[in-house]
Amino acid sequence: MGQLDGSIVLQGDMNAATLTARGGKHGEDKFDANGRRKADSIVHEQILRYEQVSGTAVVAESRVIGSLFADATAVEISIVCETKPDGSGGDPRKFTVDVLKGNQTTAFASILAGGTPVTVDASIANRQVQFVVPTTTAGARGDQIKIIVAVSGTTGAQGQGLQVGVKYRENPA
């Protein structure tokens, strides 16, 4: 086996009390006296979820789905409908999903591009996951996340079963 100049080859476990890297010690303030990583130095990822039951038509609803526990960044949103709307002609069935953020002093506002909800209609496939990158990404401790579903159309059958996930990365305190 080849070895790079200045490298160390380890077989088995390594337990180092102090790591001295080029430029000095690295991140020792991020570990406790027992060498365990401190919780306030870890980026926590949380996915807030919203669902409407499989086998039933998607209905209009507005619901707060969770709160942020620390300053956070919205990373991605996923929207999936188990059975897509199948309307065609005249006024086909469809629905939209909007994701909003607000708190006790700030009104709820969409985090989607241009404040435009995502449309779910007959053009998507059953169980096709639509991934959306939010444009308003900054969140603060105590912000609440709200989902608004709006339904429309009179022709055909409405979609059935809906799941929305909103992924946040909470920054260390």
N, C-alpha and C. Protein backbone atom coordinates (compact mmCIF):
# COMPACT_ATOMS: atom_id res chain seq x y z
N MET A 1 0.85 -1.17 0.00
CA MET A 1 0.00 0.00 0.00
C MET A 1 0.90 1.23 0.00
N GLY A 2 0.54 2.20 -0.81
CA GLY A 2 1.31 3.44 -0.87
C GLY A 2 0.97 4.36 0.29
N GLN A 3 1.89 5.25 0.57
CA GLN A 3 1.68 6.19 1.66
C GLN A 3 2.16 7.56 1.22
N LEU A 4 1.35 8.57 1.54
CA LEU A 4 1.74 9.93 1.21
C LEU A 4 2.75 10.43 2.23
N ASP A 5 3.65 11.27 1.78
CA ASP A 5 4.66 11.83 2.67
C ASP A 5 3.99 12.61 3.81
N GLY A 6 4.33 12.29 5.03
CA GLY A 6 3.80 12.99 6.20
C GLY A 6 2.45 12.47 6.66
N SER A 7 1.93 11.38 6.06
CA SER A 7 0.64 10.85 6.48
C SER A 7 0.83 9.78 7.55
N ILE A 8 -0.25 9.48 8.24
CA ILE A 8 -0.25 8.45 9.27
C ILE A 8 -1.25 7.38 8.86
N VAL A 9 -0.84 6.14 8.95
CA VAL A 9 -1.74 5.03 8.64
C VAL A 9 -2.18 4.43 9.97
N LEU A 10 -3.49 4.36 10.20
CA LEU A 10 -4.02 3.80 11.44
C LEU A 10 -4.79 2.53 11.14
N GLN A 11 -4.62 1.56 12.02
CA GLN A 11 -5.44 0.36 11.98
C GLN A 11 -6.04 0.22 13.36
N GLY A 12 -7.37 0.23 13.47
CA GLY A 12 -8.02 0.17 14.77
C GLY A 12 -8.56 1.53 15.15
N ASP A 13 -8.70 1.76 16.46
CA ASP A 13 -9.31 2.99 16.97
C ASP A 13 -8.26 4.05 17.26
N MET A 14 -8.69 5.29 17.19
CA MET A 14 -7.83 6.41 17.54
C MET A 14 -8.59 7.29 18.51
N ASN A 15 -7.96 7.68 19.59
CA ASN A 15 -8.56 8.57 20.56
C ASN A 15 -7.54 9.65 20.86
N ALA A 16 -7.81 10.83 20.35
CA ALA A 16 -6.87 11.94 20.55
C ALA A 16 -7.50 12.97 21.47
N ALA A 17 -6.81 13.34 22.52
CA ALA A 17 -7.31 14.35 23.45
C ALA A 17 -7.25 15.72 22.81
N THR A 18 -6.22 15.97 22.01
CA THR A 18 -6.05 17.26 21.36
C THR A 18 -5.57 17.02 19.94
N LEU A 19 -6.19 17.70 19.00
CA LEU A 19 -5.76 17.62 17.62
C LEU A 19 -5.10 18.96 17.29
N THR A 20 -3.84 18.92 16.96
CA THR A 20 -3.16 20.14 16.57
C THR A 20 -2.95 20.07 15.07
N ALA A 21 -3.69 20.90 14.38
CA ALA A 21 -3.60 20.95 12.92
C ALA A 21 -2.73 22.12 12.54
N ARG A 22 -2.36 22.17 11.27
CA ARG A 22 -1.59 23.32 10.81
C ARG A 22 -2.37 24.57 11.13
N GLY A 23 -1.74 25.52 11.71
CA GLY A 23 -2.41 26.76 12.08
C GLY A 23 -2.98 26.72 13.48
N GLY A 24 -2.73 25.65 14.24
CA GLY A 24 -3.18 25.60 15.62
C GLY A 24 -4.27 24.58 15.85
N LYS A 25 -4.76 24.57 17.08
CA LYS A 25 -5.80 23.62 17.47
C LYS A 25 -7.09 23.92 16.71
N HIS A 26 -7.81 22.87 16.39
CA HIS A 26 -9.00 23.03 15.56
C HIS A 26 -10.27 22.65 16.31
N GLY A 27 -11.11 23.64 16.58
CA GLY A 27 -12.44 23.37 17.08
C GLY A 27 -12.54 22.82 18.49
N GLU A 28 -11.51 23.04 19.34
CA GLU A 28 -11.58 22.45 20.68
C GLU A 28 -12.73 23.01 21.51
N ASP A 29 -13.18 24.22 21.19
CA ASP A 29 -14.30 24.81 21.91
C ASP A 29 -15.63 24.15 21.54
N LYS A 30 -15.62 23.28 20.54
CA LYS A 30 -16.84 22.60 20.11
C LYS A 30 -17.03 21.25 20.80
N PHE A 31 -16.11 20.87 21.70
CA PHE A 31 -16.17 19.58 22.38
C PHE A 31 -16.16 19.77 23.89
N ASP A 32 -16.85 18.86 24.60
CA ASP A 32 -16.85 18.95 26.07
C ASP A 32 -15.61 18.25 26.62
N ALA A 33 -15.48 18.20 27.95
CA ALA A 33 -14.31 17.63 28.60
C ALA A 33 -14.13 16.15 28.30
N ASN A 34 -15.20 15.46 27.90
CA ASN A 34 -15.13 14.03 27.57
C ASN A 34 -14.94 13.77 26.08
N GLY A 35 -14.71 14.83 25.31
CA GLY A 35 -14.47 14.66 23.88
C GLY A 35 -15.74 14.52 23.05
N ARG A 36 -16.91 14.75 23.66
CA ARG A 36 -18.17 14.67 22.92
C ARG A 36 -18.49 16.03 22.31
N ARG A 37 -19.02 16.00 21.12
CA ARG A 37 -19.39 17.24 20.43
C ARG A 37 -20.52 17.93 21.19
N LYS A 38 -20.39 19.25 21.43
CA LYS A 38 -21.42 20.03 22.11
C LYS A 38 -22.61 20.24 21.17
N ALA A 39 -23.82 20.17 21.72
CA ALA A 39 -25.03 20.31 20.90
C ALA A 39 -25.11 21.67 20.23
N ASP A 40 -24.57 22.71 20.87
CA ASP A 40 -24.67 24.05 20.27
C ASP A 40 -23.68 24.27 19.13
N SER A 41 -22.92 23.25 18.76
CA SER A 41 -22.02 23.38 17.62
C SER A 41 -22.46 22.51 16.45
N ILE A 42 -23.62 21.89 16.57
CA ILE A 42 -24.11 20.98 15.53
C ILE A 42 -25.22 21.67 14.76
N VAL A 43 -25.19 21.52 13.46
CA VAL A 43 -26.29 22.00 12.64
C VAL A 43 -27.35 20.91 12.63
N HIS A 44 -28.52 21.22 13.18
CA HIS A 44 -29.62 20.26 13.24
C HIS A 44 -30.48 20.42 12.00
N GLU A 45 -30.90 19.30 11.44
CA GLU A 45 -31.79 19.36 10.30
C GLU A 45 -33.15 18.85 10.74
N GLN A 46 -34.18 19.61 10.43
CA GLN A 46 -35.52 19.19 10.79
C GLN A 46 -36.41 19.30 9.56
N ILE A 47 -37.31 18.33 9.43
CA ILE A 47 -38.27 18.37 8.34
C ILE A 47 -39.66 18.48 8.96
N LEU A 48 -40.31 19.60 8.70
CA LEU A 48 -41.67 19.80 9.16
C LEU A 48 -42.59 19.18 8.11
N ARG A 49 -43.57 18.40 8.57
CA ARG A 49 -44.42 17.65 7.64
C ARG A 49 -45.90 18.03 7.77
N TYR A 50 -46.56 17.95 6.63
CA TYR A 50 -47.99 18.19 6.54
C TYR A 50 -48.57 17.08 5.67
N GLU A 51 -49.72 16.54 6.06
CA GLU A 51 -50.34 15.47 5.27
C GLU A 51 -51.85 15.59 5.21
N GLN A 52 -52.40 15.14 4.10
CA GLN A 52 -53.82 14.86 3.99
C GLN A 52 -53.91 13.38 3.65
N VAL A 53 -54.89 12.70 4.18
CA VAL A 53 -55.00 11.24 4.15
C VAL A 53 -55.10 10.67 2.74
N SER A 54 -54.39 9.56 2.51
CA SER A 54 -54.48 8.83 1.24
C SER A 54 -55.90 8.34 1.03
N GLY A 55 -56.34 8.31 -0.21
CA GLY A 55 -57.66 7.78 -0.53
C GLY A 55 -58.80 8.77 -0.34
N THR A 56 -58.49 9.99 0.09
CA THR A 56 -59.52 11.02 0.22
C THR A 56 -59.09 12.23 -0.61
N ALA A 57 -60.08 12.93 -1.14
CA ALA A 57 -59.80 14.09 -1.99
C ALA A 57 -59.09 15.17 -1.19
N VAL A 58 -58.11 15.80 -1.84
CA VAL A 58 -57.41 16.93 -1.23
C VAL A 58 -58.42 18.06 -1.02
N VAL A 59 -58.39 18.66 0.16
CA VAL A 59 -59.32 19.74 0.50
C VAL A 59 -58.54 21.00 0.87
N ALA A 60 -59.22 22.13 0.77
CA ALA A 60 -58.61 23.41 1.16
C ALA A 60 -58.34 23.40 2.66
N GLU A 61 -57.18 23.88 3.03
CA GLU A 61 -56.83 23.93 4.45
C GLU A 61 -55.70 24.93 4.65
N SER A 62 -55.67 25.52 5.84
CA SER A 62 -54.60 26.40 6.26
C SER A 62 -54.20 25.94 7.65
N ARG A 63 -52.92 25.51 7.80
CA ARG A 63 -52.51 24.94 9.09
C ARG A 63 -51.04 25.24 9.38
N VAL A 64 -50.76 25.67 10.62
CA VAL A 64 -49.39 25.81 11.10
C VAL A 64 -48.87 24.39 11.36
N ILE A 65 -47.71 24.06 10.79
CA ILE A 65 -47.18 22.69 10.93
C ILE A 65 -46.01 22.59 11.90
N GLY A 66 -45.49 23.70 12.38
CA GLY A 66 -44.39 23.63 13.33
C GLY A 66 -43.71 24.96 13.52
N SER A 67 -42.77 24.96 14.48
CA SER A 67 -42.01 26.16 14.83
C SER A 67 -40.52 25.86 14.76
N LEU A 68 -39.73 26.89 14.55
CA LEU A 68 -38.28 26.75 14.54
C LEU A 68 -37.74 26.90 15.96
N PHE A 69 -36.79 26.07 16.32
CA PHE A 69 -36.20 26.09 17.65
C PHE A 69 -34.92 26.92 17.72
N ALA A 70 -34.40 27.33 16.57
CA ALA A 70 -33.17 28.13 16.50
C ALA A 70 -33.18 28.88 15.18
N ASP A 71 -32.26 29.83 15.03
CA ASP A 71 -32.11 30.47 13.72
C ASP A 71 -31.86 29.35 12.71
N ALA A 72 -32.47 29.46 11.54
CA ALA A 72 -32.42 28.35 10.60
C ALA A 72 -32.47 28.84 9.16
N THR A 73 -32.16 27.93 8.26
CA THR A 73 -32.19 28.20 6.83
C THR A 73 -33.12 27.18 6.17
N ALA A 74 -34.10 27.67 5.42
CA ALA A 74 -34.97 26.79 4.64
C ALA A 74 -34.16 26.25 3.48
N VAL A 75 -34.14 24.94 3.33
CA VAL A 75 -33.29 24.30 2.32
C VAL A 75 -34.10 23.83 1.12
N GLU A 76 -35.20 23.13 1.38
CA GLU A 76 -35.96 22.54 0.28
C GLU A 76 -37.36 22.18 0.75
N ILE A 77 -38.27 22.15 -0.20
CA ILE A 77 -39.65 21.76 0.06
C ILE A 77 -39.99 20.63 -0.89
N SER A 78 -40.68 19.61 -0.39
CA SER A 78 -41.15 18.54 -1.27
C SER A 78 -42.67 18.46 -1.18
N ILE A 79 -43.29 18.27 -2.34
CA ILE A 79 -44.75 18.16 -2.42
C ILE A 79 -45.06 16.94 -3.26
N VAL A 80 -45.88 16.04 -2.73
CA VAL A 80 -46.25 14.84 -3.49
C VAL A 80 -47.73 14.54 -3.27
N CYS A 81 -48.40 14.22 -4.37
CA CYS A 81 -49.81 13.84 -4.34
C CYS A 81 -49.86 12.36 -4.75
N GLU A 82 -50.49 11.55 -3.91
CA GLU A 82 -50.53 10.11 -4.19
C GLU A 82 -51.26 9.80 -5.50
N THR A 83 -52.44 10.38 -5.68
CA THR A 83 -53.19 10.22 -6.92
C THR A 83 -53.48 11.61 -7.46
N LYS A 84 -52.92 11.92 -8.61
CA LYS A 84 -53.02 13.28 -9.15
C LYS A 84 -54.46 13.61 -9.53
N PRO A 85 -54.78 14.92 -9.59
CA PRO A 85 -56.08 15.31 -10.12
C PRO A 85 -56.18 14.83 -11.58
N ASP A 86 -57.38 14.41 -12.00
CA ASP A 86 -57.50 13.90 -13.37
C ASP A 86 -58.47 14.69 -14.23
N GLY A 87 -58.72 15.91 -13.84
CA GLY A 87 -59.66 16.73 -14.60
C GLY A 87 -59.12 17.14 -15.95
N SER A 88 -60.02 17.28 -16.91
CA SER A 88 -59.65 17.77 -18.23
C SER A 88 -60.82 18.58 -18.79
N GLY A 89 -60.57 19.34 -19.84
CA GLY A 89 -61.63 20.14 -20.43
C GLY A 89 -62.02 21.29 -19.53
N GLY A 90 -63.05 21.98 -19.88
CA GLY A 90 -63.63 23.11 -19.16
C GLY A 90 -62.86 23.68 -17.98
N ASP A 91 -63.08 23.13 -16.81
CA ASP A 91 -62.51 23.67 -15.56
C ASP A 91 -61.91 22.50 -14.76
N PRO A 92 -60.73 22.01 -15.16
CA PRO A 92 -60.18 20.80 -14.54
C PRO A 92 -59.81 20.99 -13.06
N ARG A 93 -59.97 19.92 -12.30
CA ARG A 93 -59.60 19.92 -10.88
C ARG A 93 -58.09 20.10 -10.76
N LYS A 94 -57.68 20.83 -9.73
CA LYS A 94 -56.28 21.02 -9.37
C LYS A 94 -56.23 21.63 -7.99
N PHE A 95 -55.05 21.75 -7.45
CA PHE A 95 -54.89 22.44 -6.18
C PHE A 95 -53.52 23.09 -6.13
N THR A 96 -53.37 24.03 -5.22
CA THR A 96 -52.09 24.70 -5.04
C THR A 96 -51.65 24.55 -3.59
N VAL A 97 -50.32 24.59 -3.40
CA VAL A 97 -49.73 24.51 -2.07
C VAL A 97 -48.81 25.72 -1.89
N ASP A 98 -49.00 26.44 -0.80
CA ASP A 98 -48.13 27.55 -0.46
C ASP A 98 -47.51 27.28 0.91
N VAL A 99 -46.28 27.72 1.09
CA VAL A 99 -45.57 27.57 2.36
C VAL A 99 -45.24 28.97 2.85
N LEU A 100 -45.66 29.27 4.07
CA LEU A 100 -45.49 30.61 4.63
C LEU A 100 -44.73 30.55 5.95
N LYS A 101 -44.12 31.69 6.29
CA LYS A 101 -43.41 31.81 7.56
C LYS A 101 -43.87 33.09 8.24
N GLY A 102 -44.04 33.04 9.55
CA GLY A 102 -44.42 34.21 10.32
C GLY A 102 -44.19 33.96 11.80
N ASN A 103 -44.47 34.97 12.61
CA ASN A 103 -44.34 34.80 14.06
C ASN A 103 -45.28 35.77 14.76
N GLN A 104 -45.10 35.93 16.06
CA GLN A 104 -46.03 36.75 16.85
C GLN A 104 -46.03 38.23 16.45
N THR A 105 -44.98 38.69 15.79
CA THR A 105 -44.94 40.09 15.40
C THR A 105 -44.92 40.30 13.89
N THR A 106 -44.69 39.25 13.13
CA THR A 106 -44.60 39.36 11.68
C THR A 106 -45.69 38.52 11.03
N ALA A 107 -46.45 39.11 10.13
CA ALA A 107 -47.53 38.39 9.43
C ALA A 107 -46.95 37.25 8.59
N PHE A 108 -47.73 36.21 8.39
CA PHE A 108 -47.30 35.11 7.53
C PHE A 108 -47.09 35.62 6.11
N ALA A 109 -45.98 35.16 5.50
CA ALA A 109 -45.67 35.52 4.11
C ALA A 109 -45.06 34.30 3.43
N SER A 110 -45.36 34.14 2.15
CA SER A 110 -44.86 33.00 1.38
C SER A 110 -43.34 33.01 1.31
N ILE A 111 -42.74 31.81 1.37
CA ILE A 111 -41.29 31.68 1.19
C ILE A 111 -40.97 31.16 -0.21
N LEU A 112 -42.01 31.01 -1.05
CA LEU A 112 -41.82 30.51 -2.41
C LEU A 112 -41.51 31.65 -3.37
N ALA A 113 -40.90 31.32 -4.49
CA ALA A 113 -40.51 32.32 -5.48
C ALA A 113 -41.69 33.19 -5.89
N GLY A 114 -41.54 34.48 -5.74
CA GLY A 114 -42.58 35.42 -6.11
C GLY A 114 -43.86 35.27 -5.32
N GLY A 115 -43.81 34.53 -4.22
CA GLY A 115 -45.02 34.29 -3.44
C GLY A 115 -46.05 33.46 -4.19
N THR A 116 -45.59 32.73 -5.19
CA THR A 116 -46.50 31.95 -6.04
C THR A 116 -46.59 30.51 -5.56
N PRO A 117 -47.79 30.06 -5.18
CA PRO A 117 -47.96 28.67 -4.74
C PRO A 117 -47.63 27.67 -5.86
N VAL A 118 -47.29 26.45 -5.47
CA VAL A 118 -47.00 25.37 -6.41
C VAL A 118 -48.33 24.74 -6.83
N THR A 119 -48.53 24.57 -8.14
CA THR A 119 -49.76 23.97 -8.66
C THR A 119 -49.57 22.47 -8.85
N VAL A 120 -50.57 21.71 -8.41
CA VAL A 120 -50.59 20.26 -8.62
C VAL A 120 -51.83 19.98 -9.46
N ASP A 121 -51.60 19.48 -10.69
CA ASP A 121 -52.70 19.24 -11.61
C ASP A 121 -52.46 17.95 -12.40
N ALA A 122 -53.23 17.74 -13.45
CA ALA A 122 -53.15 16.51 -14.24
C ALA A 122 -51.83 16.37 -14.99
N SER A 123 -51.02 17.42 -15.05
CA SER A 123 -49.76 17.37 -15.81
C SER A 123 -48.65 16.61 -15.07
N ILE A 124 -48.83 16.33 -13.78
CA ILE A 124 -47.81 15.59 -13.05
C ILE A 124 -48.21 14.11 -13.00
N ALA A 125 -47.28 13.26 -12.59
CA ALA A 125 -47.56 11.83 -12.45
C ALA A 125 -48.00 11.53 -11.02
N ASN A 126 -48.72 10.44 -10.85
CA ASN A 126 -49.05 9.99 -9.49
C ASN A 126 -47.75 9.80 -8.71
N ARG A 127 -47.72 10.26 -7.49
CA ARG A 127 -46.58 10.13 -6.57
C ARG A 127 -45.31 10.82 -7.07
N GLN A 128 -45.43 11.73 -8.03
CA GLN A 128 -44.27 12.49 -8.48
C GLN A 128 -43.93 13.54 -7.43
N VAL A 129 -42.70 13.51 -6.94
CA VAL A 129 -42.29 14.49 -5.94
C VAL A 129 -41.84 15.76 -6.66
N GLN A 130 -42.45 16.86 -6.28
CA GLN A 130 -42.03 18.16 -6.79
C GLN A 130 -41.12 18.80 -5.73
N PHE A 131 -39.86 19.00 -6.08
CA PHE A 131 -38.92 19.64 -5.16
C PHE A 131 -38.86 21.12 -5.49
N VAL A 132 -38.96 21.94 -4.47
CA VAL A 132 -38.98 23.39 -4.64
C VAL A 132 -37.94 24.00 -3.71
N VAL A 133 -37.12 24.88 -4.26
CA VAL A 133 -36.15 25.60 -3.44
C VAL A 133 -36.79 26.94 -3.06
N PRO A 134 -36.94 27.20 -1.76
CA PRO A 134 -37.56 28.46 -1.35
C PRO A 134 -36.65 29.64 -1.66
N THR A 135 -37.26 30.81 -1.87
CA THR A 135 -36.45 32.00 -2.11
C THR A 135 -36.24 32.81 -0.84
N THR A 136 -37.17 32.69 0.10
CA THR A 136 -36.96 33.31 1.42
C THR A 136 -36.47 32.19 2.32
N THR A 137 -35.19 32.21 2.64
CA THR A 137 -34.62 31.06 3.35
C THR A 137 -34.32 31.31 4.82
N ALA A 138 -34.14 32.56 5.23
CA ALA A 138 -33.77 32.84 6.62
C ALA A 138 -34.97 32.66 7.54
N GLY A 139 -34.74 31.97 8.64
CA GLY A 139 -35.76 31.79 9.67
C GLY A 139 -35.14 32.06 11.03
N ALA A 140 -35.96 32.45 11.99
CA ALA A 140 -35.48 32.76 13.33
C ALA A 140 -36.19 31.89 14.36
N ARG A 141 -35.55 31.73 15.50
CA ARG A 141 -36.16 30.99 16.61
C ARG A 141 -37.55 31.56 16.87
N GLY A 142 -38.55 30.69 16.93
CA GLY A 142 -39.92 31.11 17.18
C GLY A 142 -40.75 31.34 15.94
N ASP A 143 -40.13 31.34 14.76
CA ASP A 143 -40.93 31.46 13.53
C ASP A 143 -41.79 30.21 13.37
N GLN A 144 -43.01 30.41 12.89
CA GLN A 144 -43.89 29.28 12.60
C GLN A 144 -44.00 29.10 11.09
N ILE A 145 -44.19 27.84 10.69
CA ILE A 145 -44.34 27.51 9.27
C ILE A 145 -45.78 27.07 9.05
N LYS A 146 -46.38 27.64 8.02
CA LYS A 146 -47.79 27.38 7.73
C LYS A 146 -47.94 26.88 6.30
N ILE A 147 -48.83 25.92 6.11
CA ILE A 147 -49.15 25.40 4.79
C ILE A 147 -50.56 25.85 4.44
N ILE A 148 -50.73 26.36 3.22
CA ILE A 148 -52.07 26.70 2.73
C ILE A 148 -52.32 25.90 1.45
N VAL A 149 -53.39 25.12 1.47
CA VAL A 149 -53.81 24.35 0.31
C VAL A 149 -55.11 24.99 -0.21
N ALA A 150 -55.14 25.31 -1.50
CA ALA A 150 -56.34 25.86 -2.13
C ALA A 150 -56.75 24.93 -3.26
N VAL A 151 -58.02 24.59 -3.34
CA VAL A 151 -58.51 23.69 -4.38
C VAL A 151 -59.34 24.48 -5.39
N SER A 152 -59.37 23.97 -6.63
CA SER A 152 -60.17 24.63 -7.65
C SER A 152 -60.57 23.61 -8.71
N GLY A 153 -61.48 24.02 -9.55
CA GLY A 153 -61.93 23.20 -10.66
C GLY A 153 -63.23 22.46 -10.36
N THR A 154 -63.92 22.10 -11.46
CA THR A 154 -65.20 21.38 -11.33
C THR A 154 -65.25 20.13 -12.18
N THR A 155 -64.29 19.95 -13.08
CA THR A 155 -64.30 18.81 -13.99
C THR A 155 -63.33 17.74 -13.54
N GLY A 156 -63.79 16.49 -13.49
CA GLY A 156 -62.92 15.37 -13.12
C GLY A 156 -62.86 15.18 -11.62
N ALA A 157 -61.87 14.40 -11.19
CA ALA A 157 -61.70 14.08 -9.77
C ALA A 157 -60.51 14.86 -9.20
N GLN A 158 -60.67 15.29 -7.95
CA GLN A 158 -59.58 16.00 -7.28
C GLN A 158 -58.49 15.00 -6.91
N GLY A 159 -57.26 15.48 -6.74
CA GLY A 159 -56.17 14.63 -6.30
C GLY A 159 -56.47 14.03 -4.94
N GLN A 160 -55.80 12.93 -4.62
CA GLN A 160 -56.00 12.25 -3.33
C GLN A 160 -54.67 12.02 -2.65
N GLY A 161 -54.66 12.23 -1.34
CA GLY A 161 -53.45 12.03 -0.55
C GLY A 161 -52.38 13.06 -0.87
N LEU A 162 -52.00 13.85 0.10
CA LEU A 162 -51.02 14.91 -0.10
C LEU A 162 -50.01 14.89 1.04
N GLN A 163 -48.76 15.06 0.70
CA GLN A 163 -47.70 15.16 1.71
C GLN A 163 -46.77 16.29 1.32
N VAL A 164 -46.50 17.19 2.28
CA VAL A 164 -45.58 18.31 2.07
C VAL A 164 -44.51 18.22 3.16
N GLY A 165 -43.26 18.35 2.77
CA GLY A 165 -42.14 18.40 3.72
C GLY A 165 -41.38 19.69 3.54
N VAL A 166 -41.04 20.36 4.64
CA VAL A 166 -40.27 21.60 4.58
C VAL A 166 -39.00 21.37 5.40
N LYS A 167 -37.85 21.33 4.71
CA LYS A 167 -36.58 21.03 5.39
C LYS A 167 -35.88 22.31 5.81
N TYR A 168 -35.55 22.37 7.11
CA TYR A 168 -34.79 23.49 7.68
C TYR A 168 -33.50 22.97 8.30
N ARG A 169 -32.42 23.74 8.18
CA ARG A 169 -31.18 23.47 8.90
C ARG A 169 -31.06 24.53 9.98
N GLU A 170 -31.12 24.07 11.23
CA GLU A 170 -31.02 25.00 12.36
C GLU A 170 -29.55 25.20 12.70
N ASN A 171 -29.13 26.44 12.72
CA ASN A 171 -27.76 26.80 12.95
C ASN A 171 -27.40 26.71 14.43
N PRO A 172 -26.14 26.45 14.75
CA PRO A 172 -25.73 26.39 16.16
C PRO A 172 -26.03 27.70 16.88
N ALA A 173 -26.36 27.55 18.16
CA ALA A 173 -26.67 28.74 18.98
C ALA A 173 -25.39 29.49 19.31
